[in-house]
Amino acid sequence: MTRNTTAPRPPRSLRLLLVGVAASIVLLVALPVAMLADLDGLRTAIRNDTDAEISPKWLEWALIASLIYTVVLHLVDVVLLIWLTPRVLRGRQWARITLTAYLVIATYFSLYSASKGGMFLWAVIPTDILHVIMIGLLWIPPSTRRFFTARQSGFQRSPSR
């Protein structure tokens, strides 16, 4: 089976996905930067999240762990978005499904984090709204569904050599 090498242009809905991806990346980078800029606020959020009094030594350890966790997680998120998006725009069904799964999981954990404290709701709320819009752009518009159906049909019906 050979692949159809002519790539139809992605529909407008998928091109709009690029705006959501770009905005998501900006927010993913902005959150750790904001955490670094407001270490006292982050310390307060950590203190508020614990049931018992936390020693200054453990507070600093928790602060560093929170920062490392956030930076690494957001770096992985950015890499996934940058890696999956071009594949979605080429009509790869597996990439569309993977990106959707990523967006659902990211939204869940984002909401979970928001439930632990409202310090970063300025980033959480728009990011989650973007996730929902992006999922919609991946699955709802008829032009998007036709695009992926045509791409899948093109792979299956290509003449063999």
N, C-alpha and C. Protein backbone atom coordinates (compact mmCIF):
# COMPACT_ATOMS: atom_id res chain seq x y z
N MET A 1 0.84 -1.16 0.00
CA MET A 1 0.00 0.00 0.00
C MET A 1 0.89 1.23 0.00
N THR A 2 0.65 2.13 -0.92
CA THR A 2 1.40 3.38 -0.97
C THR A 2 0.52 4.50 -0.49
N ARG A 3 1.15 5.55 -0.06
CA ARG A 3 0.40 6.70 0.44
C ARG A 3 0.16 7.71 -0.66
N ASN A 4 -0.97 8.33 -0.57
CA ASN A 4 -1.31 9.42 -1.48
C ASN A 4 -0.45 10.62 -1.09
N THR A 5 0.37 11.10 -2.01
CA THR A 5 1.31 12.17 -1.68
C THR A 5 0.72 13.56 -1.82
N THR A 6 -0.43 13.69 -2.46
CA THR A 6 -1.05 15.00 -2.57
C THR A 6 -1.77 15.29 -1.27
N ALA A 7 -1.37 16.34 -0.61
CA ALA A 7 -1.96 16.69 0.67
C ALA A 7 -2.95 17.83 0.48
N PRO A 8 -4.24 17.55 0.70
CA PRO A 8 -5.20 18.63 0.60
C PRO A 8 -4.96 19.64 1.73
N ARG A 9 -5.30 20.86 1.46
CA ARG A 9 -5.12 21.91 2.46
C ARG A 9 -6.09 21.65 3.61
N PRO A 10 -5.61 21.77 4.86
CA PRO A 10 -6.50 21.56 6.00
C PRO A 10 -7.64 22.58 5.99
N PRO A 11 -8.80 22.20 6.46
CA PRO A 11 -9.92 23.15 6.49
C PRO A 11 -9.65 24.30 7.47
N ARG A 12 -10.43 25.34 7.33
CA ARG A 12 -10.26 26.54 8.16
C ARG A 12 -10.32 26.21 9.64
N SER A 13 -11.17 25.29 10.03
CA SER A 13 -11.30 24.93 11.44
C SER A 13 -9.98 24.40 12.01
N LEU A 14 -9.27 23.62 11.21
CA LEU A 14 -7.97 23.12 11.68
C LEU A 14 -6.90 24.20 11.64
N ARG A 15 -7.01 25.12 10.70
CA ARG A 15 -6.05 26.23 10.69
C ARG A 15 -6.28 27.13 11.90
N LEU A 16 -7.54 27.25 12.34
CA LEU A 16 -7.85 28.00 13.55
C LEU A 16 -7.27 27.31 14.79
N LEU A 17 -7.11 26.01 14.69
CA LEU A 17 -6.50 25.25 15.77
C LEU A 17 -5.12 25.79 16.10
N LEU A 18 -4.42 26.28 15.09
CA LEU A 18 -3.09 26.86 15.30
C LEU A 18 -3.12 28.04 16.26
N VAL A 19 -4.19 28.83 16.20
CA VAL A 19 -4.32 29.97 17.12
C VAL A 19 -4.46 29.44 18.55
N GLY A 20 -5.27 28.41 18.72
CA GLY A 20 -5.43 27.82 20.04
C GLY A 20 -4.15 27.21 20.56
N VAL A 21 -3.42 26.54 19.70
CA VAL A 21 -2.14 25.94 20.10
C VAL A 21 -1.15 27.04 20.50
N ALA A 22 -1.06 28.09 19.71
CA ALA A 22 -0.14 29.19 20.03
C ALA A 22 -0.51 29.85 21.36
N ALA A 23 -1.79 30.11 21.55
CA ALA A 23 -2.23 30.73 22.81
C ALA A 23 -1.98 29.79 23.99
N SER A 24 -2.19 28.50 23.79
CA SER A 24 -1.92 27.52 24.85
C SER A 24 -0.45 27.51 25.22
N ILE A 25 0.41 27.56 24.22
CA ILE A 25 1.85 27.57 24.49
C ILE A 25 2.24 28.83 25.27
N VAL A 26 1.68 29.97 24.89
CA VAL A 26 1.97 31.21 25.63
C VAL A 26 1.56 31.05 27.10
N LEU A 27 0.38 30.50 27.35
CA LEU A 27 -0.08 30.32 28.73
C LEU A 27 0.74 29.27 29.47
N LEU A 28 1.14 28.21 28.75
CA LEU A 28 1.96 27.18 29.39
C LEU A 28 3.32 27.72 29.81
N VAL A 29 3.86 28.64 29.05
CA VAL A 29 5.14 29.26 29.40
C VAL A 29 4.94 30.34 30.48
N ALA A 30 3.83 31.06 30.39
CA ALA A 30 3.59 32.17 31.31
C ALA A 30 3.40 31.70 32.75
N LEU A 31 2.79 30.55 32.94
CA LEU A 31 2.50 30.12 34.31
C LEU A 31 3.77 29.88 35.14
N PRO A 32 4.75 29.09 34.66
CA PRO A 32 5.96 28.94 35.46
C PRO A 32 6.72 30.26 35.64
N VAL A 33 6.67 31.12 34.63
CA VAL A 33 7.32 32.43 34.76
C VAL A 33 6.64 33.24 35.86
N ALA A 34 5.31 33.21 35.90
CA ALA A 34 4.57 33.92 36.95
C ALA A 34 4.86 33.32 38.33
N MET A 35 5.00 32.01 38.38
CA MET A 35 5.33 31.37 39.66
C MET A 35 6.70 31.84 40.14
N LEU A 36 7.65 31.91 39.24
CA LEU A 36 9.00 32.38 39.59
C LEU A 36 8.99 33.85 40.01
N ALA A 37 8.14 34.63 39.39
CA ALA A 37 8.06 36.06 39.69
C ALA A 37 7.38 36.33 41.03
N ASP A 38 6.56 35.39 41.50
CA ASP A 38 5.81 35.59 42.75
C ASP A 38 6.07 34.43 43.70
N LEU A 39 7.31 34.30 44.13
CA LEU A 39 7.67 33.20 45.03
C LEU A 39 6.96 33.31 46.38
N ASP A 40 6.75 34.53 46.85
CA ASP A 40 6.04 34.68 48.13
C ASP A 40 4.59 34.21 48.00
N GLY A 41 3.98 34.53 46.89
CA GLY A 41 2.61 34.05 46.65
C GLY A 41 2.56 32.54 46.55
N LEU A 42 3.57 31.96 45.91
CA LEU A 42 3.63 30.51 45.80
C LEU A 42 3.83 29.87 47.17
N ARG A 43 4.69 30.48 48.00
CA ARG A 43 4.87 29.97 49.37
C ARG A 43 3.54 30.00 50.13
N THR A 44 2.80 31.09 49.98
CA THR A 44 1.50 31.21 50.65
C THR A 44 0.54 30.13 50.15
N ALA A 45 0.53 29.89 48.85
CA ALA A 45 -0.35 28.85 48.29
C ALA A 45 0.03 27.48 48.83
N ILE A 46 1.32 27.21 48.98
CA ILE A 46 1.76 25.91 49.52
C ILE A 46 1.35 25.80 50.98
N ARG A 47 1.55 26.88 51.75
CA ARG A 47 1.14 26.86 53.16
C ARG A 47 -0.37 26.63 53.28
N ASN A 48 -1.15 27.27 52.42
CA ASN A 48 -2.61 27.13 52.48
C ASN A 48 -3.07 25.73 52.08
N ASP A 49 -2.26 25.04 51.30
CA ASP A 49 -2.64 23.70 50.83
C ASP A 49 -2.33 22.61 51.85
N THR A 50 -1.51 22.92 52.83
CA THR A 50 -1.15 21.90 53.83
C THR A 50 -2.04 22.04 55.04
N ASP A 51 -2.36 20.90 55.65
CA ASP A 51 -3.22 20.90 56.84
C ASP A 51 -2.44 21.28 58.10
N ALA A 52 -1.17 20.95 58.14
CA ALA A 52 -0.35 21.22 59.32
C ALA A 52 0.62 22.36 59.03
N GLU A 53 1.21 22.85 60.07
CA GLU A 53 2.25 23.88 59.92
C GLU A 53 3.46 23.24 59.26
N ILE A 54 4.03 23.92 58.30
CA ILE A 54 5.18 23.39 57.56
C ILE A 54 6.42 24.19 57.95
N SER A 55 7.50 23.47 58.18
CA SER A 55 8.75 24.14 58.58
C SER A 55 9.31 24.91 57.40
N PRO A 56 10.10 25.96 57.68
CA PRO A 56 10.69 26.74 56.58
C PRO A 56 11.53 25.88 55.63
N LYS A 57 12.24 24.90 56.18
CA LYS A 57 13.06 24.03 55.34
C LYS A 57 12.17 23.24 54.36
N TRP A 58 11.09 22.65 54.85
CA TRP A 58 10.19 21.87 54.00
C TRP A 58 9.41 22.77 53.05
N LEU A 59 9.14 23.98 53.50
CA LEU A 59 8.45 24.93 52.63
C LEU A 59 9.31 25.25 51.41
N GLU A 60 10.59 25.48 51.62
CA GLU A 60 11.49 25.76 50.50
C GLU A 60 11.64 24.56 49.58
N TRP A 61 11.68 23.36 50.19
CA TRP A 61 11.76 22.14 49.38
C TRP A 61 10.49 22.00 48.53
N ALA A 62 9.33 22.25 49.14
CA ALA A 62 8.06 22.17 48.41
C ALA A 62 7.99 23.21 47.31
N LEU A 63 8.54 24.39 47.59
CA LEU A 63 8.56 25.45 46.59
C LEU A 63 9.39 25.03 45.38
N ILE A 64 10.59 24.52 45.63
CA ILE A 64 11.47 24.08 44.53
C ILE A 64 10.84 22.92 43.78
N ALA A 65 10.26 21.96 44.50
CA ALA A 65 9.61 20.82 43.85
C ALA A 65 8.44 21.28 42.98
N SER A 66 7.66 22.23 43.47
CA SER A 66 6.53 22.75 42.69
C SER A 66 7.01 23.42 41.40
N LEU A 67 8.06 24.19 41.51
CA LEU A 67 8.60 24.87 40.34
C LEU A 67 9.15 23.87 39.32
N ILE A 68 9.93 22.91 39.80
CA ILE A 68 10.50 21.90 38.89
C ILE A 68 9.39 21.11 38.22
N TYR A 69 8.42 20.67 39.01
CA TYR A 69 7.29 19.91 38.47
C TYR A 69 6.57 20.71 37.39
N THR A 70 6.28 21.96 37.67
CA THR A 70 5.54 22.80 36.72
C THR A 70 6.35 23.04 35.45
N VAL A 71 7.62 23.35 35.59
CA VAL A 71 8.45 23.61 34.41
C VAL A 71 8.55 22.36 33.54
N VAL A 72 8.83 21.21 34.15
CA VAL A 72 8.97 19.97 33.38
C VAL A 72 7.65 19.60 32.72
N LEU A 73 6.56 19.64 33.48
CA LEU A 73 5.25 19.28 32.92
C LEU A 73 4.86 20.20 31.77
N HIS A 74 5.07 21.48 31.94
CA HIS A 74 4.70 22.43 30.88
C HIS A 74 5.62 22.30 29.67
N LEU A 75 6.88 21.96 29.89
CA LEU A 75 7.78 21.71 28.77
C LEU A 75 7.30 20.50 27.96
N VAL A 76 6.90 19.44 28.65
CA VAL A 76 6.36 18.26 27.97
C VAL A 76 5.10 18.64 27.20
N ASP A 77 4.24 19.45 27.81
CA ASP A 77 3.01 19.90 27.14
C ASP A 77 3.33 20.66 25.86
N VAL A 78 4.28 21.58 25.93
CA VAL A 78 4.65 22.38 24.76
C VAL A 78 5.21 21.48 23.66
N VAL A 79 6.07 20.55 24.03
CA VAL A 79 6.66 19.63 23.05
C VAL A 79 5.56 18.79 22.39
N LEU A 80 4.62 18.28 23.18
CA LEU A 80 3.52 17.49 22.61
C LEU A 80 2.69 18.32 21.63
N LEU A 81 2.36 19.54 22.01
CA LEU A 81 1.58 20.39 21.10
C LEU A 81 2.33 20.67 19.81
N ILE A 82 3.61 20.98 19.93
CA ILE A 82 4.41 21.28 18.74
C ILE A 82 4.59 20.04 17.87
N TRP A 83 4.69 18.88 18.47
CA TRP A 83 4.89 17.64 17.72
C TRP A 83 3.59 17.15 17.07
N LEU A 84 2.47 17.24 17.79
CA LEU A 84 1.21 16.69 17.28
C LEU A 84 0.53 17.58 16.25
N THR A 85 0.60 18.89 16.42
CA THR A 85 -0.16 19.80 15.56
C THR A 85 0.15 19.65 14.08
N PRO A 86 1.40 19.60 13.65
CA PRO A 86 1.63 19.43 12.21
C PRO A 86 1.07 18.11 11.67
N ARG A 87 1.09 17.08 12.49
CA ARG A 87 0.56 15.79 12.07
C ARG A 87 -0.96 15.83 11.93
N VAL A 88 -1.59 16.57 12.82
CA VAL A 88 -3.05 16.77 12.70
C VAL A 88 -3.35 17.52 11.41
N LEU A 89 -2.56 18.56 11.12
CA LEU A 89 -2.79 19.36 9.91
C LEU A 89 -2.53 18.56 8.63
N ARG A 90 -1.80 17.46 8.74
CA ARG A 90 -1.59 16.57 7.59
C ARG A 90 -2.65 15.48 7.51
N GLY A 91 -3.62 15.54 8.43
CA GLY A 91 -4.74 14.60 8.37
C GLY A 91 -4.49 13.27 9.03
N ARG A 92 -3.55 13.20 9.93
CA ARG A 92 -3.26 11.94 10.62
C ARG A 92 -4.29 11.72 11.72
N GLN A 93 -5.11 10.71 11.54
CA GLN A 93 -6.17 10.42 12.50
C GLN A 93 -5.61 10.09 13.88
N TRP A 94 -4.51 9.35 13.95
CA TRP A 94 -3.92 9.00 15.23
C TRP A 94 -3.49 10.25 15.99
N ALA A 95 -3.02 11.26 15.27
CA ALA A 95 -2.59 12.50 15.91
C ALA A 95 -3.80 13.27 16.43
N ARG A 96 -4.89 13.25 15.69
CA ARG A 96 -6.11 13.91 16.14
C ARG A 96 -6.62 13.26 17.42
N ILE A 97 -6.60 11.94 17.47
CA ILE A 97 -7.06 11.22 18.66
C ILE A 97 -6.10 11.48 19.82
N THR A 98 -4.81 11.44 19.56
CA THR A 98 -3.82 11.67 20.61
C THR A 98 -3.91 13.09 21.15
N LEU A 99 -4.06 14.07 20.26
CA LEU A 99 -4.18 15.46 20.70
C LEU A 99 -5.45 15.64 21.53
N THR A 100 -6.53 15.01 21.12
CA THR A 100 -7.77 15.08 21.88
C THR A 100 -7.58 14.49 23.28
N ALA A 101 -6.96 13.33 23.35
CA ALA A 101 -6.71 12.69 24.65
C ALA A 101 -5.83 13.59 25.51
N TYR A 102 -4.79 14.15 24.91
CA TYR A 102 -3.93 15.08 25.66
C TYR A 102 -4.75 16.25 26.21
N LEU A 103 -5.59 16.85 25.38
CA LEU A 103 -6.38 18.01 25.80
C LEU A 103 -7.34 17.66 26.93
N VAL A 104 -7.96 16.48 26.87
CA VAL A 104 -8.87 16.05 27.93
C VAL A 104 -8.10 15.84 29.24
N ILE A 105 -6.97 15.16 29.16
CA ILE A 105 -6.16 14.89 30.35
C ILE A 105 -5.61 16.19 30.92
N ALA A 106 -5.12 17.07 30.07
CA ALA A 106 -4.57 18.36 30.53
C ALA A 106 -5.65 19.19 31.20
N THR A 107 -6.86 19.17 30.66
CA THR A 107 -7.96 19.92 31.26
C THR A 107 -8.31 19.35 32.63
N TYR A 108 -8.37 18.03 32.74
CA TYR A 108 -8.67 17.40 34.03
C TYR A 108 -7.65 17.83 35.09
N PHE A 109 -6.37 17.70 34.77
CA PHE A 109 -5.35 18.03 35.75
C PHE A 109 -5.28 19.54 36.02
N SER A 110 -5.61 20.33 35.04
CA SER A 110 -5.66 21.77 35.23
C SER A 110 -6.77 22.13 36.22
N LEU A 111 -7.93 21.51 36.04
CA LEU A 111 -9.05 21.76 36.97
C LEU A 111 -8.72 21.24 38.36
N TYR A 112 -8.04 20.11 38.44
CA TYR A 112 -7.62 19.56 39.72
C TYR A 112 -6.68 20.54 40.43
N SER A 113 -5.71 21.07 39.69
CA SER A 113 -4.78 22.04 40.27
C SER A 113 -5.52 23.29 40.72
N ALA A 114 -6.47 23.74 39.93
CA ALA A 114 -7.23 24.94 40.29
C ALA A 114 -8.03 24.72 41.57
N SER A 115 -8.48 23.48 41.79
CA SER A 115 -9.25 23.19 43.01
C SER A 115 -8.38 23.26 44.26
N LYS A 116 -7.06 23.21 44.09
CA LYS A 116 -6.14 23.28 45.23
C LYS A 116 -5.82 24.72 45.63
N GLY A 117 -6.18 25.65 44.81
CA GLY A 117 -5.93 27.06 45.14
C GLY A 117 -6.18 27.92 43.93
N GLY A 118 -6.65 29.11 44.17
CA GLY A 118 -7.05 29.98 43.07
C GLY A 118 -5.99 30.95 42.61
N MET A 119 -4.74 30.75 43.02
CA MET A 119 -3.70 31.71 42.71
C MET A 119 -3.46 31.87 41.21
N PHE A 120 -3.63 30.80 40.46
CA PHE A 120 -3.28 30.84 39.05
C PHE A 120 -4.49 30.65 38.13
N LEU A 121 -5.65 31.02 38.62
CA LEU A 121 -6.86 30.90 37.80
C LEU A 121 -6.78 31.75 36.53
N TRP A 122 -5.99 32.81 36.55
CA TRP A 122 -5.83 33.65 35.37
C TRP A 122 -5.27 32.85 34.20
N ALA A 123 -4.52 31.79 34.49
CA ALA A 123 -3.96 30.94 33.43
C ALA A 123 -4.84 29.71 33.20
N VAL A 124 -5.40 29.18 34.28
CA VAL A 124 -6.17 27.93 34.19
C VAL A 124 -7.44 28.12 33.38
N ILE A 125 -8.20 29.15 33.68
CA ILE A 125 -9.50 29.34 33.02
C ILE A 125 -9.35 29.52 31.50
N PRO A 126 -8.50 30.45 31.02
CA PRO A 126 -8.39 30.56 29.56
C PRO A 126 -7.79 29.32 28.90
N THR A 127 -6.87 28.64 29.60
CA THR A 127 -6.29 27.43 29.03
C THR A 127 -7.35 26.35 28.86
N ASP A 128 -8.18 26.18 29.87
CA ASP A 128 -9.23 25.16 29.78
C ASP A 128 -10.27 25.51 28.72
N ILE A 129 -10.59 26.78 28.61
CA ILE A 129 -11.52 27.22 27.55
C ILE A 129 -10.91 26.90 26.18
N LEU A 130 -9.62 27.20 26.02
CA LEU A 130 -8.93 26.88 24.76
C LEU A 130 -8.96 25.38 24.48
N HIS A 131 -8.75 24.57 25.51
CA HIS A 131 -8.78 23.11 25.32
C HIS A 131 -10.13 22.66 24.78
N VAL A 132 -11.20 23.16 25.36
CA VAL A 132 -12.55 22.77 24.91
C VAL A 132 -12.78 23.22 23.48
N ILE A 133 -12.39 24.45 23.17
CA ILE A 133 -12.55 24.95 21.80
C ILE A 133 -11.73 24.11 20.82
N MET A 134 -10.50 23.77 21.21
CA MET A 134 -9.64 22.99 20.31
C MET A 134 -10.22 21.59 20.09
N ILE A 135 -10.77 20.97 21.12
CA ILE A 135 -11.42 19.66 20.94
C ILE A 135 -12.58 19.80 19.97
N GLY A 136 -13.35 20.87 20.14
CA GLY A 136 -14.44 21.12 19.22
C GLY A 136 -13.97 21.28 17.79
N LEU A 137 -12.89 22.03 17.59
CA LEU A 137 -12.35 22.24 16.24
C LEU A 137 -11.84 20.92 15.63
N LEU A 138 -11.38 20.01 16.47
CA LEU A 138 -10.86 18.73 15.98
C LEU A 138 -11.98 17.76 15.55
N TRP A 139 -13.19 17.94 16.07
CA TRP A 139 -14.21 16.93 15.85
C TRP A 139 -15.55 17.43 15.31
N ILE A 140 -15.94 18.65 15.58
CA ILE A 140 -17.30 19.08 15.26
C ILE A 140 -17.51 19.57 13.83
N PRO A 141 -16.67 20.45 13.30
CA PRO A 141 -16.98 21.00 11.97
C PRO A 141 -17.03 19.91 10.89
N PRO A 142 -18.07 19.95 10.06
CA PRO A 142 -18.17 18.97 8.97
C PRO A 142 -16.94 18.98 8.06
N SER A 143 -16.35 20.17 7.84
CA SER A 143 -15.17 20.24 6.97
C SER A 143 -14.00 19.46 7.58
N THR A 144 -13.88 19.48 8.88
CA THR A 144 -12.82 18.73 9.56
C THR A 144 -13.07 17.24 9.43
N ARG A 145 -14.30 16.83 9.65
CA ARG A 145 -14.63 15.40 9.53
C ARG A 145 -14.37 14.91 8.10
N ARG A 146 -14.76 15.72 7.10
CA ARG A 146 -14.51 15.35 5.70
C ARG A 146 -13.01 15.26 5.42
N PHE A 147 -12.24 16.20 5.95
CA PHE A 147 -10.80 16.22 5.75
C PHE A 147 -10.17 14.92 6.26
N PHE A 148 -10.51 14.51 7.46
CA PHE A 148 -9.92 13.29 8.01
C PHE A 148 -10.44 12.05 7.31
N THR A 149 -11.69 12.06 6.91
CA THR A 149 -12.25 10.92 6.16
C THR A 149 -11.55 10.80 4.81
N ALA A 150 -11.35 11.93 4.14
CA ALA A 150 -10.67 11.91 2.83
C ALA A 150 -9.23 11.44 2.98
N ARG A 151 -8.56 11.91 4.00
CA ARG A 151 -7.17 11.50 4.21
C ARG A 151 -7.10 10.00 4.50
N GLN A 152 -8.01 9.50 5.31
CA GLN A 152 -8.02 8.08 5.63
C GLN A 152 -8.36 7.26 4.39
N SER A 153 -9.33 7.73 3.62
CA SER A 153 -9.68 7.03 2.38
C SER A 153 -8.53 7.03 1.41
N GLY A 154 -7.80 8.14 1.35
CA GLY A 154 -6.65 8.25 0.45
C GLY A 154 -5.58 7.23 0.78
N PHE A 155 -5.39 6.94 2.07
CA PHE A 155 -4.39 5.94 2.48
C PHE A 155 -4.86 4.54 2.11
N GLN A 156 -6.15 4.28 2.26
CA GLN A 156 -6.66 2.93 2.04
C GLN A 156 -6.86 2.62 0.56
N ARG A 157 -7.18 3.62 -0.25
CA ARG A 157 -7.50 3.37 -1.65
C ARG A 157 -6.35 3.64 -2.61
N SER A 158 -5.19 3.94 -2.08
CA SER A 158 -4.05 4.21 -2.96
C SER A 158 -3.69 2.96 -3.73
N PRO A 159 -3.35 3.11 -5.01
CA PRO A 159 -3.00 1.94 -5.78
C PRO A 159 -1.68 1.35 -5.29
N SER A 160 -1.59 0.03 -5.28
CA SER A 160 -0.38 -0.65 -4.84
C SER A 160 0.57 -0.78 -6.02
N ARG A 161 1.85 -0.82 -5.72
CA ARG A 161 2.84 -0.97 -6.79
C ARG A 161 3.48 -2.31 -6.70
